[in-house]
């Protein structure tokens, strides 16, 4: 009996020392929170395409618009490079021909079959000479010819600038459009936090990633547009300098013809008009 009592006492001490504290801890600790159903439905594909597909309709519209702006930027680049390269090449050849010509008529024969800016300048000069055939002051004729050439030069510069305004617009607005998509995406993320009553990173991360993707696309569209706009501005400035050089060559030919006419010399190969050329 004494042994039985001793064993019972030892068992009671063990229960008091180990089991009861364990039960009290189990009762005091809160039950494990169940995994929200929203976490099970969160997108796991965080690649750019996966984020685009999971984005809000407004963020998708922003991304599509920025992608189209980027495509438009590179389309303008391709078209303007071809246009500028060929225009400058033709104008350089025309300037070389004008510099070796003695009269306007000779310059027309040298440029026959070539459609370039120099031929337009020569035709404008010949038109003014024809209209001023009865003028008495050669200086006035030169001034009117120079006025026509300046107008043609300015028009050529405006035509060559076509399309570059879009690059400036994209470069200036694309970052702000991307920022709008970012703000909208982050706003949706906070709305999701309030609805799910959780600050779990798995709930917040997809929306923030989609928002940052909109910002990245805005920079992808804006940076090349700004760089290409500056490049084209320099190229077009060089093209206008070539056009001014061609206009100066034409004006020198006009001055030679007028000086010869003033001294009673008929320029070699001079024709009354080139309207039919």
Protein backbone atom coordinates (compact mmCIF):
# COMPACT_ATOMS: atom_id res chain seq x y z
CA UNK A 1 0.00 0.00 0.00
CA UNK A 2 2.81 2.38 0.86
CA UNK A 3 4.38 1.72 -2.55
CA UNK A 4 1.06 2.38 -4.28
CA UNK A 5 0.64 5.68 -2.48
CA UNK A 6 4.18 6.69 -3.35
CA UNK A 7 3.60 5.90 -7.04
CA UNK A 8 0.33 7.87 -7.02
CA UNK A 9 2.06 10.83 -5.45
CA UNK A 10 4.84 10.79 -8.05
CA UNK A 11 2.26 10.61 -10.86
CA UNK A 12 0.37 13.59 -9.44
CA UNK A 13 3.54 15.63 -9.21
CA UNK A 14 4.36 14.83 -12.84
CA UNK A 15 0.89 15.85 -13.98
CA UNK A 16 1.11 19.07 -12.04
CA UNK A 17 4.56 19.91 -13.37
CA UNK A 18 4.12 19.12 -17.09
CA UNK A 19 0.58 18.52 -18.23
CA UNK A 20 -1.19 21.39 -16.53
CA UNK A 21 1.19 24.15 -17.78
CA UNK A 22 0.86 22.72 -21.25
CA UNK A 23 -2.94 22.87 -21.08
CA UNK A 24 -2.87 26.42 -19.79
CA UNK A 25 -0.59 27.52 -22.65
CA UNK A 26 -2.88 25.84 -25.15
CA UNK A 27 -5.90 27.62 -23.71
CA UNK A 28 -4.13 31.03 -23.64
CA UNK A 29 -2.78 31.00 -27.21
CA UNK A 30 -5.14 32.22 -29.98
CA UNK A 31 -6.22 29.71 -32.60
CA UNK A 32 -4.29 29.72 -35.87
CA UNK A 33 -5.85 32.10 -38.39
CA UNK A 34 -7.20 30.35 -41.46
CA UNK A 35 -5.65 31.20 -44.78
CA UNK A 36 -7.92 33.71 -46.55
CA UNK A 37 -9.47 32.54 -49.77
CA UNK A 38 -8.08 35.67 -51.49
CA UNK A 39 -4.54 34.44 -50.90
CA UNK A 40 -5.37 31.25 -52.74
CA UNK A 41 -6.63 33.30 -55.69
CA UNK A 42 -3.65 35.69 -55.92
CA UNK A 43 -1.75 35.68 -59.23
CA UNK A 44 1.52 33.84 -58.95
CA UNK A 45 2.85 34.78 -62.40
CA UNK A 46 4.77 38.02 -61.83
CA UNK A 47 6.32 38.16 -65.29
CA UNK A 48 5.57 41.36 -67.26
CA UNK A 49 2.95 39.58 -69.37
CA UNK A 50 1.37 37.94 -66.33
CA UNK A 51 1.21 41.27 -64.50
CA UNK A 52 -0.38 42.88 -67.54
CA UNK A 53 -3.08 40.20 -67.71
CA UNK A 54 -3.80 40.52 -63.97
CA UNK A 55 -3.86 44.32 -63.98
CA UNK A 56 -6.89 46.53 -63.59
CA UNK A 57 -8.61 47.68 -66.81
CA UNK A 58 -7.39 51.27 -66.29
CA UNK A 59 -3.79 50.14 -65.77
CA UNK A 60 -4.10 47.91 -68.85
CA UNK A 61 -5.29 50.88 -70.91
CA UNK A 62 -2.32 52.93 -69.70
CA UNK A 63 0.11 50.13 -70.59
CA UNK A 64 -1.38 49.66 -74.06
CA UNK A 65 -1.25 53.40 -74.74
CA UNK A 66 2.39 53.60 -73.68
CA UNK A 67 3.27 50.58 -75.82
CA UNK A 68 1.64 52.23 -78.85
CA UNK A 69 3.52 55.45 -78.11
CA UNK A 70 6.78 53.50 -78.07
CA UNK A 71 5.95 51.86 -81.42
CA UNK A 72 5.08 55.28 -82.87
CA UNK A 73 8.40 56.67 -81.64
CA UNK A 74 10.45 54.04 -83.44
CA UNK A 75 8.29 54.33 -86.57
CA UNK A 76 9.02 58.08 -86.74
CA UNK A 77 12.70 57.36 -86.17
CA UNK A 78 12.82 54.92 -89.09
CA UNK A 79 10.94 57.23 -91.47
CA UNK A 80 12.85 60.40 -90.57
CA UNK A 81 16.26 58.74 -90.80
CA UNK A 82 15.54 57.60 -94.36
CA UNK A 83 14.07 60.99 -95.32
CA UNK A 84 16.94 63.01 -93.88
CA UNK A 85 19.72 60.80 -95.23
CA UNK A 86 18.40 60.89 -98.80
CA UNK A 87 17.51 64.61 -98.69
CA UNK A 88 20.96 65.62 -97.44
CA UNK A 89 22.68 63.40 -100.00
CA UNK A 90 20.70 64.90 -102.89
CA UNK A 91 21.27 68.42 -101.62
CA UNK A 92 25.03 67.92 -101.35
CA UNK A 93 25.17 66.73 -104.97
CA UNK A 94 23.10 69.72 -106.05
CA UNK A 95 25.38 72.16 -104.22
CA UNK A 96 28.40 70.65 -105.95
CA UNK A 97 26.70 71.12 -109.33
CA UNK A 98 25.69 74.71 -108.53
CA UNK A 99 29.17 75.66 -107.43
CA UNK A 100 30.57 74.64 -110.85
CA UNK A 101 27.86 76.35 -112.92
CA UNK A 102 28.38 79.80 -114.49
CA UNK A 103 24.73 80.73 -115.08
CA UNK A 104 21.27 79.71 -113.96
CA UNK A 105 20.63 78.07 -117.30
CA UNK A 106 23.77 75.97 -116.96
CA UNK A 107 22.82 74.97 -113.43
CA UNK A 108 19.42 73.78 -114.66
CA UNK A 109 21.07 71.63 -117.31
CA UNK A 110 23.36 70.16 -114.66
CA UNK A 111 20.43 69.34 -112.37
CA UNK A 112 18.13 68.11 -115.11
CA UNK A 113 16.22 65.00 -114.02
CA UNK A 114 16.91 65.56 -110.34
CA UNK A 115 14.05 66.53 -108.08
CA UNK A 116 15.62 68.25 -105.11
CA UNK A 117 15.47 71.47 -103.15
CA UNK A 118 18.10 73.19 -105.27
CA UNK A 119 16.00 72.88 -108.41
CA UNK A 120 13.07 74.45 -106.56
CA UNK A 121 15.30 77.38 -105.63
CA UNK A 122 16.45 77.84 -109.22
CA UNK A 123 12.90 77.81 -110.54
CA UNK A 124 11.87 80.43 -107.99
CA UNK A 125 14.82 82.62 -109.01
CA UNK A 126 13.99 82.28 -112.70
CA UNK A 127 10.34 83.15 -111.97
CA UNK A 128 11.35 86.35 -110.21
CA UNK A 129 13.79 87.27 -112.99
CA UNK A 130 11.03 86.82 -115.55
CA UNK A 131 8.59 88.95 -113.54
CA UNK A 132 11.27 91.61 -113.01
CA UNK A 133 12.46 91.68 -116.62
CA UNK A 134 11.57 95.38 -116.96
CA UNK A 135 13.08 96.37 -113.60
CA UNK A 136 15.76 99.02 -113.72
CA UNK A 137 17.51 98.38 -110.40
CA UNK A 138 19.49 95.09 -110.19
CA UNK A 139 19.77 95.46 -106.42
CA UNK A 140 15.98 95.37 -106.09
CA UNK A 141 15.85 92.23 -108.23
CA UNK A 142 18.42 90.53 -106.02
CA UNK A 143 16.45 91.48 -102.92
CA UNK A 144 13.24 90.01 -104.30
CA UNK A 145 15.01 86.83 -105.36
CA UNK A 146 16.55 86.51 -101.90
CA UNK A 147 13.09 86.95 -100.36
CA UNK A 148 11.70 84.09 -102.45
CA UNK A 149 14.65 81.87 -101.57
CA UNK A 150 14.26 82.60 -97.85
CA UNK A 151 10.61 81.65 -97.98
CA UNK A 152 11.38 78.36 -99.74
CA UNK A 153 14.14 77.59 -97.25
CA UNK A 154 11.80 78.17 -94.31
CA UNK A 155 9.12 75.96 -95.88
CA UNK A 156 11.66 73.17 -96.42
CA UNK A 157 12.64 73.34 -92.75
CA UNK A 158 8.99 73.14 -91.67
CA UNK A 159 8.38 70.12 -93.87
CA UNK A 160 11.44 68.35 -92.52
CA UNK A 161 10.25 69.01 -88.95
CA UNK A 162 7.02 67.08 -89.53
CA UNK A 163 6.71 64.21 -87.07
CA UNK A 164 9.25 65.47 -84.58
CA UNK A 165 6.52 67.26 -82.63
CA UNK A 166 5.05 63.86 -81.76
CA UNK A 167 8.40 62.82 -80.31
CA UNK A 168 8.41 65.91 -78.10
CA UNK A 169 4.85 65.21 -76.97
CA UNK A 170 5.59 61.58 -76.12
CA UNK A 171 8.77 62.49 -74.31
CA UNK A 172 6.98 65.09 -72.20
CA UNK A 173 3.78 63.19 -71.35
CA UNK A 174 4.68 59.48 -71.24
CA UNK A 175 6.26 59.61 -67.74
CA UNK A 176 3.15 61.28 -66.33
CA UNK A 177 0.84 58.80 -68.04
CA UNK A 178 2.89 55.98 -66.51
CA UNK A 179 2.71 57.73 -63.15
CA UNK A 180 -1.08 57.85 -63.44
CA UNK A 181 -1.10 54.08 -63.97
CA UNK A 182 1.16 53.67 -60.94
CA UNK A 183 -1.09 55.77 -58.70
CA UNK A 184 -4.16 53.87 -59.87
CA UNK A 185 -2.52 50.49 -59.27
CA UNK A 186 -1.32 51.42 -55.77
CA UNK A 187 -4.78 52.74 -54.96
CA UNK A 188 -6.25 49.39 -55.96
CA UNK A 189 -3.68 47.64 -53.76
CA UNK A 190 -4.77 49.63 -50.72
CA UNK A 191 -8.40 48.90 -51.52
CA UNK A 192 -7.51 45.20 -51.60
CA UNK A 193 -5.82 45.53 -48.20
CA UNK A 194 -8.92 47.11 -46.70
CA UNK A 195 -11.23 44.46 -48.15
CA UNK A 196 -9.12 41.49 -47.01
CA UNK A 197 -8.29 43.01 -43.62
CA UNK A 198 -4.70 41.94 -43.93
CA UNK A 199 -1.36 43.56 -44.62
CA UNK A 200 0.17 40.34 -45.90
CA UNK A 201 2.80 41.06 -48.53
CA UNK A 202 1.28 38.41 -50.79
CA UNK A 203 -1.86 40.57 -51.02
CA UNK A 204 -0.06 43.85 -51.64
CA UNK A 205 2.83 42.78 -53.90
CA UNK A 206 0.97 41.93 -57.16
CA UNK A 207 -0.87 45.27 -57.33
CA UNK A 208 2.25 47.28 -56.55
CA UNK A 209 4.24 45.29 -59.14
CA UNK A 210 1.60 46.05 -61.80
CA UNK A 211 1.71 49.73 -60.84
CA UNK A 212 5.49 49.88 -61.13
CA UNK A 213 5.28 48.15 -64.53
CA UNK A 214 3.19 51.10 -65.77
CA UNK A 215 5.91 53.50 -64.63
CA UNK A 216 8.58 51.41 -66.36
CA UNK A 217 6.62 51.45 -69.62
CA UNK A 218 6.27 55.23 -69.35
CA UNK A 219 10.04 55.59 -69.10
CA UNK A 220 10.58 53.12 -71.96
CA UNK A 221 8.37 55.30 -74.17
CA UNK A 222 9.70 58.68 -72.99
CA UNK A 223 13.48 58.22 -72.91
CA UNK A 224 13.94 57.17 -76.59
CA UNK A 225 11.50 59.88 -77.70
CA UNK A 226 13.51 62.63 -75.98
CA UNK A 227 16.85 61.29 -77.26
CA UNK A 228 15.59 60.92 -80.84
CA UNK A 229 14.00 64.38 -80.77
CA UNK A 230 17.33 65.95 -79.85
CA UNK A 231 19.13 63.95 -82.55
CA UNK A 232 16.64 64.99 -85.22
CA UNK A 233 16.83 68.62 -84.09
CA UNK A 234 20.57 68.61 -84.81
CA UNK A 235 20.16 66.78 -88.12
CA UNK A 236 17.42 69.13 -89.31
CA UNK A 237 19.54 72.12 -88.34
CA UNK A 238 22.37 70.73 -90.47
CA UNK A 239 19.90 70.15 -93.32
CA UNK A 240 18.71 73.75 -93.15
CA UNK A 241 22.32 74.92 -93.29
CA UNK A 242 22.77 72.90 -96.49
CA UNK A 243 19.60 74.45 -97.88
CA UNK A 244 20.90 77.93 -97.01
CA UNK A 245 24.15 77.11 -98.79
CA UNK A 246 22.23 76.04 -101.90
CA UNK A 247 20.19 79.25 -101.76
CA UNK A 248 23.42 81.27 -101.52
CA UNK A 249 24.77 79.49 -104.61
CA UNK A 250 21.60 80.31 -106.56
CA UNK A 251 21.76 83.93 -105.44
CA UNK A 252 25.37 84.16 -106.65
CA UNK A 253 24.32 82.82 -110.05
CA UNK A 254 21.54 85.42 -110.22
CA UNK A 255 24.03 88.15 -109.33
CA UNK A 256 26.38 87.01 -112.11
CA UNK A 257 23.60 87.01 -114.68
CA UNK A 258 22.45 90.47 -113.63
CA UNK A 259 25.98 91.85 -113.76
CA UNK A 260 26.49 90.42 -117.24
CA UNK A 261 23.17 91.88 -118.37
CA UNK A 262 24.13 95.27 -116.94
CA UNK A 263 27.29 95.26 -119.04
CA UNK A 264 25.45 94.16 -122.17
CA UNK A 265 26.70 90.56 -122.14
CA UNK A 266 24.29 87.74 -122.74
CA UNK A 267 25.02 84.84 -120.37
CA UNK A 268 26.07 81.70 -122.16
CA UNK A 269 23.15 79.38 -122.54
CA UNK A 270 20.68 81.84 -120.98
CA UNK A 271 17.09 81.06 -121.70
CA UNK A 272 14.14 83.40 -121.27
CA UNK A 273 12.26 81.10 -118.92
CA UNK A 274 12.35 77.67 -117.38
CA UNK A 275 8.67 77.33 -116.71
CA UNK A 276 8.61 74.27 -118.93
CA UNK A 277 11.62 72.67 -117.23
